[in-house]
C-alpha atoms as a PDB file:
ATOM      1  CA  MET A   1      89.059 119.845 142.206  1.00  0.00           C
ATOM      2  CA  ALA A   2      87.403 121.972 139.685  1.00  0.00           C
ATOM      3  CA  ALA A   3      86.685 120.798 136.224  1.00  0.00           C
ATOM      4  CA  ALA A   4      89.964 122.267 133.956  1.00  0.00           C
ATOM      5  CA  GLU A   5      88.320 124.352 130.808  1.00  0.00           C
ATOM      6  CA  ILE A   6      88.739 122.940 127.317  1.00  0.00           C
ATOM      7  CA  SER A   7      89.054 125.575 124.463  1.00  0.00           C
ATOM      8  CA  ARG A   8      90.511 122.635 121.846  1.00  0.00           C
ATOM      9  CA  LEU A   9      91.292 119.226 121.854  1.00  0.00           C
ATOM     10  CA  GLY A  10      93.719 116.894 120.204  1.00  0.00           C
ATOM     11  CA  VAL A  11      93.152 113.796 118.295  1.00  0.00           C
ATOM     12  CA  ILE A  12      95.649 111.098 117.863  1.00  0.00           C
ATOM     13  CA  GLY A  13      95.208 108.522 115.268  1.00  0.00           C
ATOM     14  CA  ALA A  14      92.676 109.311 111.900  1.00  0.00           C
ATOM     15  CA  GLY A  15      91.119 105.913 111.744  1.00  0.00           C
ATOM     16  CA  GLN A  16      87.793 105.206 113.461  1.00  0.00           C
ATOM     17  CA  MET A  17      87.352 105.726 116.554  1.00  0.00           C
ATOM     18  CA  GLY A  18      89.987 109.336 116.912  1.00  0.00           C
ATOM     19  CA  LEU A  19      87.809 110.536 113.183  1.00  0.00           C
ATOM     20  CA  GLY A  20      83.985 109.632 115.724  1.00  0.00           C
ATOM     21  CA  ILE A  21      85.969 111.208 118.967  1.00  0.00           C
ATOM     22  CA  ALA A  22      86.967 114.306 116.608  1.00  0.00           C
ATOM     23  CA  LEU A  23      84.549 114.868 114.851  1.00  0.00           C
ATOM     24  CA  VAL A  24      81.672 114.741 117.480  1.00  0.00           C
ATOM     25  CA  THR A  25      83.485 116.889 119.840  1.00  0.00           C
ATOM     26  CA  ALA A  26      83.494 119.252 116.884  1.00  0.00           C
ATOM     27  CA  GLN A  27      79.991 119.362 116.433  1.00  0.00           C
ATOM     28  CA  LYS A  28      78.555 119.174 120.479  1.00  0.00           C
ATOM     29  CA  ALA A  29      81.436 120.987 122.110  1.00  0.00           C
ATOM     30  CA  LYS A  30      82.094 123.296 118.675  1.00  0.00           C
ATOM     31  CA  ILE A  31      85.234 123.544 119.925  1.00  0.00           C
ATOM     32  CA  PRO A  32      88.621 123.248 117.628  1.00  0.00           C
ATOM     33  CA  VAL A  33      89.778 119.544 117.445  1.00  0.00           C
ATOM     34  CA  THR A  34      93.556 119.506 115.855  1.00  0.00           C
ATOM     35  CA  LEU A  35      93.407 116.062 113.818  1.00  0.00           C
ATOM     36  CA  VAL A  36      97.058 114.379 114.218  1.00  0.00           C
ATOM     37  CA  ASP A  37      98.129 111.598 112.041  1.00  0.00           C
ATOM     38  CA  ASN A  38     101.744 110.819 110.859  1.00  0.00           C
ATOM     39  CA  SER A  39      99.780 109.093 107.115  1.00  0.00           C
ATOM     40  CA  GLN A  40      98.667 111.985 105.195  1.00  0.00           C
ATOM     41  CA  THR A  41      96.075 108.928 103.105  1.00  0.00           C
ATOM     42  CA  SER A  42      94.931 108.388 107.325  1.00  0.00           C
ATOM     43  CA  LEU A  43      93.763 111.838 107.768  1.00  0.00           C
ATOM     44  CA  ASP A  44      92.274 112.030 104.127  1.00  0.00           C
ATOM     45  CA  LYS A  45      90.265 108.544 104.605  1.00  0.00           C
ATOM     46  CA  GLY A  46      89.169 109.929 107.709  1.00  0.00           C
ATOM     47  CA  LEU A  47      88.133 113.257 106.660  1.00  0.00           C
ATOM     48  CA  LYS A  48      86.383 111.862 103.787  1.00  0.00           C
ATOM     49  CA  PHE A  49      84.700 109.199 106.166  1.00  0.00           C
ATOM     50  CA  ALA A  50      83.244 112.729 108.560  1.00  0.00           C
ATOM     51  CA  ASP A  51      81.890 114.075 105.349  1.00  0.00           C
ATOM     52  CA  LYS A  52      79.973 110.895 104.551  1.00  0.00           C
ATOM     53  CA  LEU A  53      78.621 111.262 108.352  1.00  0.00           C
ATOM     54  CA  LEU A  54      77.798 114.839 108.014  1.00  0.00           C
ATOM     55  CA  GLU A  55      75.866 114.299 104.433  1.00  0.00           C
ATOM     56  CA  LYS A  56      73.790 111.512 106.091  1.00  0.00           C
ATOM     57  CA  ASP A  57      73.041 113.767 109.416  1.00  0.00           C
ATOM     58  CA  ILE A  58      71.871 116.450 107.277  1.00  0.00           C
ATOM     59  CA  ALA A  59      69.279 114.136 105.174  1.00  0.00           C
ATOM     60  CA  LYS A  60      67.843 112.652 107.605  1.00  0.00           C
ATOM     61  CA  GLU A  61      67.645 116.658 108.896  1.00  0.00           C
ATOM     62  CA  ARG A  62      69.912 115.824 111.849  1.00  0.00           C
ATOM     63  CA  ILE A  63      71.559 118.653 111.631  1.00  0.00           C
ATOM     64  CA  SER A  64      71.379 121.289 108.787  1.00  0.00           C
ATOM     65  CA  LYS A  65      74.899 122.545 106.195  1.00  0.00           C
ATOM     66  CA  GLU A  66      75.748 125.093 107.968  1.00  0.00           C
ATOM     67  CA  ASP A  67      75.858 123.109 111.522  1.00  0.00           C
ATOM     68  CA  ALA A  68      77.828 119.974 109.938  1.00  0.00           C
ATOM     69  CA  THR A  69      80.499 123.168 107.533  1.00  0.00           C
ATOM     70  CA  SER A  70      80.913 124.534 111.040  1.00  0.00           C
ATOM     71  CA  ALA A  71      81.726 121.448 112.654  1.00  0.00           C
ATOM     72  CA  ARG A  72      83.495 120.093 108.543  1.00  0.00           C
ATOM     73  CA  GLN A  73      86.423 123.775 109.994  1.00  0.00           C
ATOM     74  CA  ARG A  74      86.619 122.854 113.719  1.00  0.00           C
ATOM     75  CA  LEU A  75      88.670 119.611 112.125  1.00  0.00           C
ATOM     76  CA  GLN A  76      91.610 120.597 111.602  1.00  0.00           C
ATOM     77  CA  PRO A  77      93.787 118.179 110.108  1.00  0.00           C
ATOM     78  CA  THR A  78      98.072 117.334 110.532  1.00  0.00           C
ATOM     79  CA  THR A  79     100.606 115.247 110.734  1.00  0.00           C
ATOM     80  CA  ARG A  80     103.121 116.666 113.072  1.00  0.00           C
ATOM     81  CA  MET A  81     102.776 116.216 116.286  1.00  0.00           C
ATOM     82  CA  ASP A  82     104.263 119.420 117.811  1.00  0.00           C
ATOM     83  CA  ASP A  83     100.599 120.988 116.909  1.00  0.00           C
ATOM     84  CA  LEU A  84      99.434 119.808 119.905  1.00  0.00           C
ATOM     85  CA  SER A  85     100.936 122.341 122.181  1.00  0.00           C
ATOM     86  CA  GLU A  86      98.196 124.464 121.621  1.00  0.00           C
ATOM     87  CA  VAL A  87      95.846 121.732 122.993  1.00  0.00           C
ATOM     88  CA  ASP A  88      93.785 121.789 126.828  1.00  0.00           C
ATOM     89  CA  PHE A  89      93.004 118.228 126.321  1.00  0.00           C
ATOM     90  CA  VAL A  90      94.794 115.628 123.726  1.00  0.00           C
ATOM     91  CA  ILE A  91      93.361 112.193 123.792  1.00  0.00           C
ATOM     92  CA  GLU A  92      95.127 109.190 122.289  1.00  0.00           C
ATOM     93  CA  ALA A  93      93.495 106.673 119.929  1.00  0.00           C
ATOM     94  CA  VAL A  94      96.589 104.516 117.630  1.00  0.00           C
ATOM     95  CA  PRO A  95      96.465 100.101 118.225  1.00  0.00           C
ATOM     96  CA  GLU A  96      96.565  98.716 120.988  1.00  0.00           C
ATOM     97  CA  ILE A  97     100.054  98.143 121.867  1.00  0.00           C
ATOM     98  CA  LEU A  98     101.909  99.030 124.319  1.00  0.00           C
ATOM     99  CA  ASP A  99     105.312 100.327 123.313  1.00  0.00           C
ATOM    100  CA  LEU A 100     103.327 102.596 120.897  1.00  0.00           C
ATOM    101  CA  LYS A 101     101.561 104.000 123.479  1.00  0.00           C
ATOM    102  CA  THR A 102     104.833 104.805 125.804  1.00  0.00           C
ATOM    103  CA  SER A 103     106.325 106.138 122.954  1.00  0.00           C
ATOM    104  CA  ILE A 104     103.362 108.990 122.319  1.00  0.00           C
ATOM    105  CA  PHE A 105     103.503 109.662 125.638  1.00  0.00           C
ATOM    106  CA  ALA A 106     106.712 110.280 126.529  1.00  0.00           C
ATOM    107  CA  GLN A 107     106.728 113.153 122.881  1.00  0.00           C
ATOM    108  CA  LEU A 108     103.730 115.035 124.735  1.00  0.00           C
ATOM    109  CA  ALA A 109     104.351 115.051 128.425  1.00  0.00           C
ATOM    110  CA  SER A 110     107.192 116.964 126.222  1.00  0.00           C
ATOM    111  CA  ILE A 111     104.415 118.418 124.229  1.00  0.00           C
ATOM    112  CA  CYS A 112     101.726 120.164 125.078  1.00  0.00           C
ATOM    113  CA  ARG A 113     101.641 122.919 128.021  1.00  0.00           C
ATOM    114  CA  SER A 114     101.447 122.311 131.553  1.00  0.00           C
ATOM    115  CA  HIS A 115      97.963 122.028 132.052  1.00  0.00           C
ATOM    116  CA  ALA A 116      97.166 119.508 129.151  1.00  0.00           C
ATOM    117  CA  ILE A 117      94.871 116.646 129.986  1.00  0.00           C
ATOM    118  CA  LEU A 118      96.480 113.035 128.587  1.00  0.00           C
ATOM    119  CA  ALA A 119      93.603 110.796 128.006  1.00  0.00           C
ATOM    120  CA  THR A 120      94.053 107.398 126.010  1.00  0.00           C
ATOM    121  CA  ASN A 121      91.484 105.623 123.803  1.00  0.00           C
ATOM    122  CA  THR A 122      92.883 102.238 125.139  1.00  0.00           C
ATOM    123  CA  SER A 123      90.506  99.310 126.126  1.00  0.00           C
ATOM    124  CA  SER A 124      92.892  96.913 127.983  1.00  0.00           C
ATOM    125  CA  ILE A 125      95.914  98.199 128.263  1.00  0.00           C
ATOM    126  CA  SER A 126      97.197  99.313 131.991  1.00  0.00           C
ATOM    127  CA  ILE A 127      96.842 103.355 132.514  1.00  0.00           C
ATOM    128  CA  THR A 128      99.416 103.251 135.165  1.00  0.00           C
ATOM    129  CA  LYS A 129     101.472 101.747 132.620  1.00  0.00           C
ATOM    130  CA  ILE A 130     101.142 104.549 130.335  1.00  0.00           C
ATOM    131  CA  ALA A 131     101.514 107.348 132.772  1.00  0.00           C
ATOM    132  CA  ALA A 132     104.721 106.388 133.990  1.00  0.00           C
ATOM    133  CA  ALA A 133     106.342 107.297 130.281  1.00  0.00           C
ATOM    134  CA  THR A 134     105.772 110.449 130.750  1.00  0.00           C
ATOM    135  CA  THR A 135     108.854 110.658 133.081  1.00  0.00           C
ATOM    136  CA  LYS A 136     112.181 109.007 133.641  1.00  0.00           C
ATOM    137  CA  ASP A 137     112.134 109.961 137.377  1.00  0.00           C
ATOM    138  CA  PRO A 138     108.816 107.905 139.050  1.00  0.00           C
ATOM    139  CA  THR A 139     108.456 110.831 141.565  1.00  0.00           C
ATOM    140  CA  ASP A 140     107.471 113.023 139.312  1.00  0.00           C
ATOM    141  CA  LEU A 141     103.891 113.495 138.506  1.00  0.00           C
ATOM    142  CA  SER A 142     103.735 116.765 136.450  1.00  0.00           C
ATOM    143  CA  ALA A 143     103.032 114.701 133.608  1.00  0.00           C
ATOM    144  CA  ALA A 144     102.173 111.916 134.876  1.00  0.00           C
ATOM    145  CA  SER A 145      99.191 113.490 137.082  1.00  0.00           C
ATOM    146  CA  ARG A 146      97.181 114.536 134.163  1.00  0.00           C
ATOM    147  CA  VAL A 147      97.481 110.655 132.469  1.00  0.00           C
ATOM    148  CA  ILE A 148      93.948 109.048 132.661  1.00  0.00           C
ATOM    149  CA  SER A 149      91.673 106.936 129.670  1.00  0.00           C
ATOM    150  CA  THR A 150      89.018 108.251 128.379  1.00  0.00           C
ATOM    151  CA  HIS A 151      87.478 104.559 125.941  1.00  0.00           C
ATOM    152  CA  PHE A 152      85.068 105.629 124.058  1.00  0.00           C
ATOM    153  CA  MET A 153      82.536 103.186 122.501  1.00  0.00           C
ATOM    154  CA  ASN A 154      82.466 102.191 118.790  1.00  0.00           C
ATOM    155  CA  PRO A 155      80.787 103.407 116.738  1.00  0.00           C
ATOM    156  CA  VAL A 156      81.515 106.763 118.836  1.00  0.00           C
ATOM    157  CA  PRO A 157      78.275 108.952 117.276  1.00  0.00           C
ATOM    158  CA  VAL A 158      76.000 107.140 117.818  1.00  0.00           C
ATOM    159  CA  GLN A 159      77.435 104.490 121.217  1.00  0.00           C
ATOM    160  CA  LYS A 160      76.836 107.507 124.372  1.00  0.00           C
ATOM    161  CA  GLY A 161      79.063 105.577 127.142  1.00  0.00           C
ATOM    162  CA  VAL A 162      82.049 106.435 128.319  1.00  0.00           C
ATOM    163  CA  GLU A 163      84.493 104.462 130.572  1.00  0.00           C
ATOM    164  CA  ILE A 164      87.303 107.011 132.689  1.00  0.00           C
ATOM    165  CA  ILE A 165      90.196 105.130 133.959  1.00  0.00           C
ATOM    166  CA  SER A 166      92.569 106.304 136.273  1.00  0.00           C
ATOM    167  CA  GLY A 167      95.561 104.658 137.129  1.00  0.00           C
ATOM    168  CA  LEU A 168      97.568 105.631 140.177  1.00  0.00           C
ATOM    169  CA  GLN A 169      99.290 108.278 139.677  1.00  0.00           C
ATOM    170  CA  THR A 170      95.438 110.263 138.494  1.00  0.00           C
ATOM    171  CA  SER A 171      94.672 113.514 140.327  1.00  0.00           C
ATOM    172  CA  GLU A 172      91.589 114.443 141.187  1.00  0.00           C
ATOM    173  CA  GLU A 173      91.664 117.505 138.994  1.00  0.00           C
ATOM    174  CA  THR A 174      92.126 115.586 135.590  1.00  0.00           C
ATOM    175  CA  VAL A 175      89.503 113.082 136.629  1.00  0.00           C
ATOM    176  CA  ASN A 176      86.687 115.470 137.119  1.00  0.00           C
ATOM    177  CA  THR A 177      87.769 117.820 134.020  1.00  0.00           C
ATOM    178  CA  ALA A 178      87.880 114.461 131.442  1.00  0.00           C
ATOM    179  CA  VAL A 179      84.337 113.618 133.252  1.00  0.00           C
ATOM    180  CA  GLU A 180      83.188 117.057 132.551  1.00  0.00           C
ATOM    181  CA  PHE A 181      84.301 116.697 129.327  1.00  0.00           C
ATOM    182  CA  CYS A 182      82.673 114.030 128.327  1.00  0.00           C
ATOM    183  CA  LYS A 183      79.004 115.174 129.471  1.00  0.00           C
ATOM    184  CA  LYS A 184      80.369 118.185 127.089  1.00  0.00           C
ATOM    185  CA  ILE A 185      79.811 116.075 123.965  1.00  0.00           C
ATOM    186  CA  GLY A 186      77.474 114.271 125.204  1.00  0.00           C
ATOM    187  CA  LYS A 187      78.886 111.320 126.818  1.00  0.00           C
ATOM    188  CA  ILE A 188      77.799 108.693 129.150  1.00  0.00           C
ATOM    189  CA  PRO A 189      80.804 108.864 131.999  1.00  0.00           C
ATOM    190  CA  SER A 190      81.139 105.507 133.852  1.00  0.00           C
ATOM    191  CA  LYS A 191      84.191 105.436 135.929  1.00  0.00           C
ATOM    192  CA  SER A 192      86.456 102.626 136.676  1.00  0.00           C
ATOM    193  CA  ALA A 193      89.594 101.225 138.586  1.00  0.00           C
ATOM    194  CA  ASP A 194      93.067 100.245 136.426  1.00  0.00           C
ATOM    195  CA  SER A 195      92.065  97.023 135.826  1.00  0.00           C
ATOM    196  CA  PRO A 196      93.053  93.947 133.514  1.00  0.00           C
ATOM    197  CA  GLY A 197      90.093  94.799 131.114  1.00  0.00           C
ATOM    198  CA  PHE A 198      88.124  97.665 133.212  1.00  0.00           C
ATOM    199  CA  LEU A 199      84.115  97.549 133.528  1.00  0.00           C
ATOM    200  CA  ALA A 200      83.484  97.068 129.778  1.00  0.00           C
ATOM    201  CA  ASN A 201      85.537  94.600 128.189  1.00  0.00           C
ATOM    202  CA  ARG A 202      85.971  92.364 131.987  1.00  0.00           C
ATOM    203  CA  ILE A 203      82.552  91.877 131.244  1.00  0.00           C
ATOM    204  CA  LEU A 204      82.236  92.031 127.643  1.00  0.00           C
ATOM    205  CA  MET A 205      84.557  89.346 126.521  1.00  0.00           C
ATOM    206  CA  PRO A 206      83.729  86.540 128.647  1.00  0.00           C
ATOM    207  CA  TYR A 207      80.498  86.340 127.176  1.00  0.00           C
ATOM    208  CA  ILE A 208      81.534  87.028 123.606  1.00  0.00           C
ATOM    209  CA  ASN A 209      84.872  84.087 123.960  1.00  0.00           C
ATOM    210  CA  GLU A 210      82.013  82.176 126.401  1.00  0.00           C
ATOM    211  CA  ALA A 211      79.809  82.184 123.102  1.00  0.00           C
ATOM    212  CA  ILE A 212      82.929  81.075 120.810  1.00  0.00           C
ATOM    213  CA  ILE A 213      83.676  78.310 122.932  1.00  0.00           C
ATOM    214  CA  CYS A 214      79.822  76.778 122.712  1.00  0.00           C
ATOM    215  CA  LEU A 215      80.379  77.158 119.301  1.00  0.00           C
ATOM    216  CA  GLU A 216      83.607  75.360 119.423  1.00  0.00           C
ATOM    217  CA  THR A 217      81.943  72.608 121.588  1.00  0.00           C
ATOM    218  CA  GLY A 218      79.137  72.160 119.943  1.00  0.00           C
ATOM    219  CA  VAL A 219      76.664  73.535 122.452  1.00  0.00           C
ATOM    220  CA  GLY A 220      75.506  75.661 119.207  1.00  0.00           C
ATOM    221  CA  GLU A 221      74.941  77.061 115.561  1.00  0.00           C
ATOM    222  CA  LYS A 222      75.884  80.534 115.418  1.00  0.00           C
ATOM    223  CA  GLU A 223      72.140  81.653 114.333  1.00  0.00           C
ATOM    224  CA  ASP A 224      71.188  79.771 117.772  1.00  0.00           C
ATOM    225  CA  ILE A 225      73.541  81.649 120.007  1.00  0.00           C
ATOM    226  CA  ASP A 226      73.199  84.537 119.056  1.00  0.00           C
ATOM    227  CA  ASN A 227      69.120  83.917 118.176  1.00  0.00           C
ATOM    228  CA  ILE A 228      68.581  82.940 122.471  1.00  0.00           C
ATOM    229  CA  MET A 229      70.841  86.137 123.370  1.00  0.00           C
ATOM    230  CA  LYS A 230      69.066  88.763 120.748  1.00  0.00           C
ATOM    231  CA  ASN A 231      65.468  86.825 121.175  1.00  0.00           C
ATOM    232  CA  GLY A 232      66.275  86.390 125.097  1.00  0.00           C
ATOM    233  CA  THR A 233      67.976  90.187 127.278  1.00  0.00           C
ATOM    234  CA  ASN A 234      66.626  92.195 124.215  1.00  0.00           C
ATOM    235  CA  VAL A 235      70.862  93.004 123.550  1.00  0.00           C
ATOM    236  CA  PRO A 236      70.638  94.466 119.328  1.00  0.00           C
ATOM    237  CA  MET A 237      73.406  91.568 117.796  1.00  0.00           C
ATOM    238  CA  GLY A 238      73.975  88.478 119.068  1.00  0.00           C
ATOM    239  CA  PRO A 239      77.536  88.440 120.791  1.00  0.00           C
ATOM    240  CA  LEU A 240      79.759  86.094 117.759  1.00  0.00           C
ATOM    241  CA  GLN A 241      77.947  89.202 115.150  1.00  0.00           C
ATOM    242  CA  LEU A 242      79.160  91.629 117.803  1.00  0.00           C
ATOM    243  CA  ALA A 243      82.702  90.263 118.198  1.00  0.00           C
ATOM    244  CA  ASP A 244      82.891  89.808 114.168  1.00  0.00           C
ATOM    245  CA  PHE A 245      82.347  94.058 114.575  1.00  0.00           C
ATOM    246  CA  ILE A 246      84.463  95.117 116.830  1.00  0.00           C
ATOM    247  CA  GLY A 247      87.320  92.831 115.489  1.00  0.00           C
ATOM    248  CA  LEU A 248      88.257  88.888 116.097  1.00  0.00           C
ATOM    249  CA  ASP A 249      91.608  90.377 116.735  1.00  0.00           C
ATOM    250  CA  THR A 250      90.848  93.227 119.160  1.00  0.00           C
ATOM    251  CA  CYS A 251      88.863  90.208 121.123  1.00  0.00           C
ATOM    252  CA  LEU A 252      91.624  88.079 121.194  1.00  0.00           C
ATOM    253  CA  SER A 253      93.905  91.146 122.254  1.00  0.00           C
ATOM    254  CA  ILE A 254      92.040  91.927 125.276  1.00  0.00           C
ATOM    255  CA  MET A 255      91.338  88.187 125.937  1.00  0.00           C
ATOM    256  CA  ARG A 256      94.935  87.473 126.347  1.00  0.00           C
ATOM    257  CA  VAL A 257      95.530  90.726 128.484  1.00  0.00           C
ATOM    258  CA  LEU A 258      92.807  89.391 130.607  1.00  0.00           C
ATOM    259  CA  HIS A 259      94.396  86.276 130.501  1.00  0.00           C
ATOM    260  CA  VAL A 260      98.270  87.315 131.069  1.00  0.00           C
ATOM    261  CA  GLU A 261      97.560  89.928 133.734  1.00  0.00           C
ATOM    262  CA  SER A 262      95.343  88.619 135.956  1.00  0.00           C
ATOM    263  CA  GLY A 263      96.542  84.655 135.651  1.00  0.00           C
ATOM    264  CA  ASP A 264      92.506  83.621 135.946  1.00  0.00           C
ATOM    265  CA  SER A 265      91.681  80.662 133.550  1.00  0.00           C
ATOM    266  CA  LYS A 266      88.067  81.215 132.729  1.00  0.00           C
ATOM    267  CA  TYR A 267      89.781  83.746 130.875  1.00  0.00           C
ATOM    268  CA  ARG A 268      91.876  81.590 128.595  1.00  0.00           C
ATOM    269  CA  PRO A 269      91.237  82.565 124.980  1.00  0.00           C
ATOM    270  CA  SER A 270      88.926  80.358 122.788  1.00  0.00           C
ATOM    271  CA  ILE A 271      91.064  78.304 120.683  1.00  0.00           C
ATOM    272  CA  LEU A 272      88.496  78.570 118.152  1.00  0.00           C
ATOM    273  CA  LEU A 273      89.030  82.665 118.435  1.00  0.00           C
ATOM    274  CA  VAL A 274      93.010  81.863 117.998  1.00  0.00           C
ATOM    275  CA  LYS A 275      92.491  79.781 114.986  1.00  0.00           C
ATOM    276  CA  MET A 276      90.345  82.229 112.915  1.00  0.00           C
ATOM    277  CA  VAL A 277      92.427  84.936 113.875  1.00  0.00           C
ATOM    278  CA  ASP A 278      95.495  83.103 112.529  1.00  0.00           C
ATOM    279  CA  ALA A 279      93.461  82.133 109.760  1.00  0.00           C
ATOM    280  CA  GLY A 280      93.045  85.919 108.769  1.00  0.00           C
ATOM    281  CA  TRP A 281      89.567  86.522 109.627  1.00  0.00           C
ATOM    282  CA  LEU A 282      88.337  88.596 111.909  1.00  0.00           C
ATOM    283  CA  GLY A 283      85.077  89.777 110.822  1.00  0.00           C
ATOM    284  CA  LYS A 284      84.030  92.260 109.412  1.00  0.00           C
ATOM    285  CA  LYS A 285      86.802  94.304 108.506  1.00  0.00           C
ATOM    286  CA  SER A 286      88.322  90.901 106.640  1.00  0.00           C
ATOM    287  CA  GLY A 287      85.256  90.595 105.390  1.00  0.00           C
ATOM    288  CA  LYS A 288      84.758  87.007 106.730  1.00  0.00           C
ATOM    289  CA  GLY A 289      84.327  86.350 110.803  1.00  0.00           C
ATOM    290  CA  PHE A 290      81.591  84.033 111.964  1.00  0.00           C
ATOM    291  CA  TYR A 291      79.399  85.575 109.083  1.00  0.00           C
ATOM    292  CA  GLN A 292      80.037  86.632 105.211  1.00  0.00           C
ATOM    293  CA  TYR A 293      80.245  90.261 104.191  1.00  0.00           C
END
């Protein structure tokens, strides 16, 4: 089936991911974006970050001042979920907490228009579970068929890849619309089945976890582990530095999902990773991880 036209986007969550998705859409697709967060402080912080990114792009002559002003004006912040009633496509970008996401999607099913695509930016939670939250009748697919994951990579303005993940209920039209929307905002979509970790994290997180185990068991020092991967495989940063940038709590959360949902011991999180999260050493965002920041 043909992809539906998107004339207004909604984004839930004004953190780094949500703000990035909203700003890229305002710049590339040139459509208005309703940015929702239940915290006015978070909205203010997110919009200041958008201003900083746009100023940086102007300074580097990537965009004109006029284009930056137009993009900024397309961002329409609000603390009210009901303001999503006019969007054609909404992307949820809140923390990886199942109950929080299912609560949001239950609301979206009643707030959004009957054709609106209901997308999540989840990096690990089952799309089928999220879609099931849109109705109390499992045979009613009127909203569940419009649920999909558009898993953007961080930082959104830089990374081109987006995972498109379908649940059991997701319709072909929903998939096509999500794919075309991602292309419209300059991204390169890759489709994945609704399996633990999807594609990116199913591959990436065990790689990072194994690097941590190598450090934990004394196979190599942190600098040697990162340097061999940078200089031997041509990746921009080593696995331990990458884990710091992602957030060690996020890495642990995803490894636990892989371990529990697959039942495979090869996904057991490193003991050192668990201890570092317990200590509050979460990486760049806390000032300390495998490296100091």
